[in-house]
């Protein structure tokens, strides 16, 4: 009798893959999960945020992870899509200061007017890892370090909006 595809040689059933999904409910959990996602990136980090969230993306460990990514790999990129640049603090924002120093590696854009501002926020590493919050005014969310199917949905949305967005230099001029 043939074994099922869940069996390994010797007739023992395979263990289901370990889940990499976590439920997040505090700022510290979101900050740590976002850092873990950033550290896992090899090629591309895509961030969808309303206002550059300095408590997440302006923290020194996160900025160090970004620097390591883009300075260690000449092909690595970080893309940041702002949903509501009018809320972003452009002056003295540590992430923006880094982005201005590494302009060839970190790109910023804002959502075009044809897209209604989404209520959520997310960060994606490559095509595998994700932190997602349904609402920006709450820390509740999920983190998954290996879910290409879910990540693909968010990355498709990001890429579509990214292609229609304004570059950061235009955004800064608009909101000064």
C-alpha atoms as a PDB file:
ATOM      1  CA  UNK A   1       0.000   0.000   0.000  1.00  0.00           C
ATOM      2  CA  UNK A   2       1.402   3.394  -0.991  1.00  0.00           C
ATOM      3  CA  UNK A   3       1.894   5.927   1.755  1.00  0.00           C
ATOM      4  CA  UNK A   4       0.343   9.362   1.644  1.00  0.00           C
ATOM      5  CA  UNK A   5       2.417  12.360   0.672  1.00  0.00           C
ATOM      6  CA  UNK A   6       2.528  13.305   4.359  1.00  0.00           C
ATOM      7  CA  UNK A   7       4.486  10.160   5.179  1.00  0.00           C
ATOM      8  CA  UNK A   8       8.254   9.929   5.286  1.00  0.00           C
ATOM      9  CA  UNK A   9      10.225   6.737   4.626  1.00  0.00           C
ATOM     10  CA  UNK A  10       9.625   4.285   7.438  1.00  0.00           C
ATOM     11  CA  UNK A  11       5.898   5.047   7.598  1.00  0.00           C
ATOM     12  CA  UNK A  12       6.070   7.930  10.071  1.00  0.00           C
ATOM     13  CA  UNK A  13       3.868  10.953   9.214  1.00  0.00           C
ATOM     14  CA  UNK A  14       5.698  14.215   8.499  1.00  0.00           C
ATOM     15  CA  UNK A  15       5.285  16.988  11.007  1.00  0.00           C
ATOM     16  CA  UNK A  16       3.347  19.956   9.670  1.00  0.00           C
ATOM     17  CA  UNK A  17       5.616  22.898   8.907  1.00  0.00           C
ATOM     18  CA  UNK A  18       6.245  25.096  11.913  1.00  0.00           C
ATOM     19  CA  UNK A  19       4.088  28.185  11.803  1.00  0.00           C
ATOM     20  CA  UNK A  20       5.933  31.452  11.433  1.00  0.00           C
ATOM     21  CA  UNK A  21       2.841  33.588  12.023  1.00  0.00           C
ATOM     22  CA  UNK A  22       2.569  35.683  15.166  1.00  0.00           C
ATOM     23  CA  UNK A  23      -0.215  37.872  16.475  1.00  0.00           C
ATOM     24  CA  UNK A  24       0.933  41.356  17.477  1.00  0.00           C
ATOM     25  CA  UNK A  25      -0.809  43.649  19.927  1.00  0.00           C
ATOM     26  CA  UNK A  26       1.723  46.144  21.298  1.00  0.00           C
ATOM     27  CA  UNK A  27       4.072  48.729  19.838  1.00  0.00           C
ATOM     28  CA  UNK A  28       7.057  46.751  21.151  1.00  0.00           C
ATOM     29  CA  UNK A  29       5.853  43.608  19.347  1.00  0.00           C
ATOM     30  CA  UNK A  30       5.314  45.517  16.083  1.00  0.00           C
ATOM     31  CA  UNK A  31       8.708  47.204  16.443  1.00  0.00           C
ATOM     32  CA  UNK A  32      10.490  43.884  17.064  1.00  0.00           C
ATOM     33  CA  UNK A  33       8.637  42.065  14.270  1.00  0.00           C
ATOM     34  CA  UNK A  34       9.372  44.909  11.819  1.00  0.00           C
ATOM     35  CA  UNK A  35      13.034  44.740  12.789  1.00  0.00           C
ATOM     36  CA  UNK A  36      13.030  40.968  12.252  1.00  0.00           C
ATOM     37  CA  UNK A  37      11.466  41.423   8.796  1.00  0.00           C
ATOM     38  CA  UNK A  38      14.011  44.128   7.890  1.00  0.00           C
ATOM     39  CA  UNK A  39      16.897  41.946   9.027  1.00  0.00           C
ATOM     40  CA  UNK A  40      15.610  39.050   6.920  1.00  0.00           C
ATOM     41  CA  UNK A  41      15.591  41.064   3.667  1.00  0.00           C
ATOM     42  CA  UNK A  42      18.154  40.061   1.070  1.00  0.00           C
ATOM     43  CA  UNK A  43      17.103  42.147  -1.961  1.00  0.00           C
ATOM     44  CA  UNK A  44      14.065  44.297  -1.372  1.00  0.00           C
ATOM     45  CA  UNK A  45      12.278  45.898   1.548  1.00  0.00           C
ATOM     46  CA  UNK A  46       8.880  47.477   0.810  1.00  0.00           C
ATOM     47  CA  UNK A  47       7.240  49.673   3.457  1.00  0.00           C
ATOM     48  CA  UNK A  48       3.686  51.025   3.259  1.00  0.00           C
ATOM     49  CA  UNK A  49       3.158  53.633   5.970  1.00  0.00           C
ATOM     50  CA  UNK A  50       1.018  56.679   6.535  1.00  0.00           C
ATOM     51  CA  UNK A  51       3.592  58.908   8.192  1.00  0.00           C
ATOM     52  CA  UNK A  52       6.980  57.163   8.426  1.00  0.00           C
ATOM     53  CA  UNK A  53       6.073  56.002  11.968  1.00  0.00           C
ATOM     54  CA  UNK A  54       9.233  57.128  13.813  1.00  0.00           C
ATOM     55  CA  UNK A  55       8.527  54.777  16.745  1.00  0.00           C
ATOM     56  CA  UNK A  56       8.992  51.857  14.339  1.00  0.00           C
ATOM     57  CA  UNK A  57      11.121  53.006  11.399  1.00  0.00           C
ATOM     58  CA  UNK A  58      13.108  55.724  13.171  1.00  0.00           C
ATOM     59  CA  UNK A  59      14.600  53.474  15.830  1.00  0.00           C
ATOM     60  CA  UNK A  60      18.366  52.921  15.692  1.00  0.00           C
ATOM     61  CA  UNK A  61      18.275  49.087  15.375  1.00  0.00           C
ATOM     62  CA  UNK A  62      15.879  49.381  12.424  1.00  0.00           C
ATOM     63  CA  UNK A  63      18.021  52.024  10.742  1.00  0.00           C
ATOM     64  CA  UNK A  64      21.107  49.829  11.257  1.00  0.00           C
ATOM     65  CA  UNK A  65      19.290  46.911   9.584  1.00  0.00           C
ATOM     66  CA  UNK A  66      18.488  49.155   6.614  1.00  0.00           C
ATOM     67  CA  UNK A  67      22.109  50.312   6.363  1.00  0.00           C
ATOM     68  CA  UNK A  68      23.388  46.727   6.518  1.00  0.00           C
ATOM     69  CA  UNK A  69      20.968  45.658   3.776  1.00  0.00           C
ATOM     70  CA  UNK A  70      21.758  48.393   1.264  1.00  0.00           C
ATOM     71  CA  UNK A  71      25.484  48.775   1.957  1.00  0.00           C
ATOM     72  CA  UNK A  72      26.259  45.044   1.909  1.00  0.00           C
ATOM     73  CA  UNK A  73      24.458  44.380  -1.379  1.00  0.00           C
ATOM     74  CA  UNK A  74      24.774  46.749  -4.310  1.00  0.00           C
ATOM     75  CA  UNK A  75      21.482  45.472  -5.763  1.00  0.00           C
ATOM     76  CA  UNK A  76      19.419  45.869  -2.562  1.00  0.00           C
ATOM     77  CA  UNK A  77      16.608  48.449  -2.456  1.00  0.00           C
ATOM     78  CA  UNK A  78      14.269  49.902   0.116  1.00  0.00           C
ATOM     79  CA  UNK A  79      10.986  51.355  -1.140  1.00  0.00           C
ATOM     80  CA  UNK A  80       8.751  53.447   1.107  1.00  0.00           C
ATOM     81  CA  UNK A  81       5.235  54.348   0.067  1.00  0.00           C
ATOM     82  CA  UNK A  82       3.574  57.127   2.093  1.00  0.00           C
ATOM     83  CA  UNK A  83      -0.196  57.023   2.247  1.00  0.00           C
ATOM     84  CA  UNK A  84      -0.574  60.410   3.940  1.00  0.00           C
ATOM     85  CA  UNK A  85       2.549  62.572   3.599  1.00  0.00           C
ATOM     86  CA  UNK A  86       0.783  65.536   5.198  1.00  0.00           C
ATOM     87  CA  UNK A  87       1.103  63.626   8.514  1.00  0.00           C
ATOM     88  CA  UNK A  88       4.776  62.810   8.104  1.00  0.00           C
ATOM     89  CA  UNK A  89       7.299  64.854  10.043  1.00  0.00           C
ATOM     90  CA  UNK A  90       9.914  65.600   7.401  1.00  0.00           C
ATOM     91  CA  UNK A  91      12.251  67.636   9.594  1.00  0.00           C
ATOM     92  CA  UNK A  92      14.490  65.633  11.930  1.00  0.00           C
ATOM     93  CA  UNK A  93      13.003  62.282  10.859  1.00  0.00           C
ATOM     94  CA  UNK A  94      15.850  59.785  11.290  1.00  0.00           C
ATOM     95  CA  UNK A  95      14.594  57.512   8.531  1.00  0.00           C
ATOM     96  CA  UNK A  96      14.405  60.417   6.080  1.00  0.00           C
ATOM     97  CA  UNK A  97      17.879  61.588   7.058  1.00  0.00           C
ATOM     98  CA  UNK A  98      19.190  58.116   6.228  1.00  0.00           C
ATOM     99  CA  UNK A  99      17.168  58.012   3.002  1.00  0.00           C
ATOM    100  CA  UNK A 100      18.677  61.307   1.877  1.00  0.00           C
ATOM    101  CA  UNK A 101      22.185  59.971   2.492  1.00  0.00           C
ATOM    102  CA  UNK A 102      21.461  56.753   0.590  1.00  0.00           C
ATOM    103  CA  UNK A 103      19.347  58.103  -2.268  1.00  0.00           C
ATOM    104  CA  UNK A 104      20.417  55.420  -4.723  1.00  0.00           C
ATOM    105  CA  UNK A 105      19.239  52.669  -2.352  1.00  0.00           C
ATOM    106  CA  UNK A 106      16.169  54.102  -0.603  1.00  0.00           C
ATOM    107  CA  UNK A 107      13.251  55.395  -2.655  1.00  0.00           C
ATOM    108  CA  UNK A 108      10.248  57.240  -1.241  1.00  0.00           C
ATOM    109  CA  UNK A 109       6.944  57.886  -2.965  1.00  0.00           C
ATOM    110  CA  UNK A 110       3.463  58.910  -1.998  1.00  0.00           C
ATOM    111  CA  UNK A 111       0.194  57.359  -3.084  1.00  0.00           C
ATOM    112  CA  UNK A 112      -1.338  58.994  -6.110  1.00  0.00           C
ATOM    113  CA  UNK A 113      -4.723  60.716  -5.748  1.00  0.00           C
ATOM    114  CA  UNK A 114      -6.397  57.921  -7.720  1.00  0.00           C
ATOM    115  CA  UNK A 115      -5.920  55.583  -4.722  1.00  0.00           C
ATOM    116  CA  UNK A 116      -7.907  56.159  -1.563  1.00  0.00           C
ATOM    117  CA  UNK A 117      -5.665  56.087   1.487  1.00  0.00           C
ATOM    118  CA  UNK A 118      -5.642  52.641   3.002  1.00  0.00           C
ATOM    119  CA  UNK A 119      -6.221  52.285   6.702  1.00  0.00           C
ATOM    120  CA  UNK A 120      -3.443  49.714   7.175  1.00  0.00           C
ATOM    121  CA  UNK A 121       0.341  49.633   7.225  1.00  0.00           C
ATOM    122  CA  UNK A 122       2.853  46.925   6.347  1.00  0.00           C
ATOM    123  CA  UNK A 123       6.486  46.027   5.749  1.00  0.00           C
ATOM    124  CA  UNK A 124       7.585  43.250   3.390  1.00  0.00           C
ATOM    125  CA  UNK A 125      11.007  41.636   3.019  1.00  0.00           C
ATOM    126  CA  UNK A 126      11.678  40.240  -0.451  1.00  0.00           C
ATOM    127  CA  UNK A 127       8.703  38.023  -1.289  1.00  0.00           C
ATOM    128  CA  UNK A 128       8.454  36.074   1.963  1.00  0.00           C
ATOM    129  CA  UNK A 129       8.189  38.020   5.246  1.00  0.00           C
ATOM    130  CA  UNK A 130       5.503  40.476   6.347  1.00  0.00           C
ATOM    131  CA  UNK A 131       4.272  42.584   9.239  1.00  0.00           C
ATOM    132  CA  UNK A 132       0.747  43.883   8.648  1.00  0.00           C
ATOM    133  CA  UNK A 133      -1.537  46.117  10.700  1.00  0.00           C
ATOM    134  CA  UNK A 134      -5.124  46.574   9.621  1.00  0.00           C
ATOM    135  CA  UNK A 135      -5.366  50.036  11.227  1.00  0.00           C
ATOM    136  CA  UNK A 136      -2.639  52.607  11.759  1.00  0.00           C
ATOM    137  CA  UNK A 137      -4.186  53.876  14.967  1.00  0.00           C
ATOM    138  CA  UNK A 138      -3.751  50.458  16.635  1.00  0.00           C
ATOM    139  CA  UNK A 139      -0.795  48.126  17.106  1.00  0.00           C
ATOM    140  CA  UNK A 140      -2.820  44.967  16.474  1.00  0.00           C
ATOM    141  CA  UNK A 141      -1.469  43.010  13.546  1.00  0.00           C
ATOM    142  CA  UNK A 142       0.253  39.902  12.288  1.00  0.00           C
ATOM    143  CA  UNK A 143       3.800  38.946  11.483  1.00  0.00           C
ATOM    144  CA  UNK A 144       4.788  36.074   9.250  1.00  0.00           C
ATOM    145  CA  UNK A 145       8.356  35.285   8.270  1.00  0.00           C
ATOM    146  CA  UNK A 146       7.491  32.817   5.509  1.00  0.00           C
ATOM    147  CA  UNK A 147       4.155  33.193   3.725  1.00  0.00           C
ATOM    148  CA  UNK A 148       4.774  33.925   0.038  1.00  0.00           C
ATOM    149  CA  UNK A 149       1.070  33.643  -0.903  1.00  0.00           C
ATOM    150  CA  UNK A 150      -0.056  36.343   1.531  1.00  0.00           C
ATOM    151  CA  UNK A 151       2.997  38.490   0.855  1.00  0.00           C
ATOM    152  CA  UNK A 152       2.307  38.328  -2.890  1.00  0.00           C
ATOM    153  CA  UNK A 153      -1.121  39.965  -2.383  1.00  0.00           C
ATOM    154  CA  UNK A 154       0.337  42.891  -0.449  1.00  0.00           C
ATOM    155  CA  UNK A 155       3.298  43.213  -2.796  1.00  0.00           C
ATOM    156  CA  UNK A 156       0.971  43.317  -5.820  1.00  0.00           C
ATOM    157  CA  UNK A 157      -0.974  46.180  -4.198  1.00  0.00           C
ATOM    158  CA  UNK A 158       2.273  47.936  -3.269  1.00  0.00           C
ATOM    159  CA  UNK A 159       3.719  47.617  -6.789  1.00  0.00           C
ATOM    160  CA  UNK A 160       0.538  48.941  -8.392  1.00  0.00           C
ATOM    161  CA  UNK A 161       0.357  51.982  -6.130  1.00  0.00           C
ATOM    162  CA  UNK A 162       4.142  52.478  -6.321  1.00  0.00           C
ATOM    163  CA  UNK A 163       4.056  52.726 -10.105  1.00  0.00           C
ATOM    164  CA  UNK A 164       1.538  55.595  -9.896  1.00  0.00           C
ATOM    165  CA  UNK A 165       3.052  57.421  -6.903  1.00  0.00           C
ATOM    166  CA  UNK A 166       4.924  60.727  -6.689  1.00  0.00           C
ATOM    167  CA  UNK A 167       8.617  60.706  -5.805  1.00  0.00           C
ATOM    168  CA  UNK A 168       9.673  62.011  -2.403  1.00  0.00           C
ATOM    169  CA  UNK A 169      11.194  65.205  -3.777  1.00  0.00           C
ATOM    170  CA  UNK A 170       7.788  66.125  -5.208  1.00  0.00           C
ATOM    171  CA  UNK A 171       6.107  65.165  -1.940  1.00  0.00           C
ATOM    172  CA  UNK A 172       8.469  67.324   0.113  1.00  0.00           C
ATOM    173  CA  UNK A 173       7.851  70.344  -2.133  1.00  0.00           C
ATOM    174  CA  UNK A 174       4.107  69.822  -1.893  1.00  0.00           C
ATOM    175  CA  UNK A 175       4.047  69.682   1.910  1.00  0.00           C
ATOM    176  CA  UNK A 176       6.583  72.364   2.876  1.00  0.00           C
END
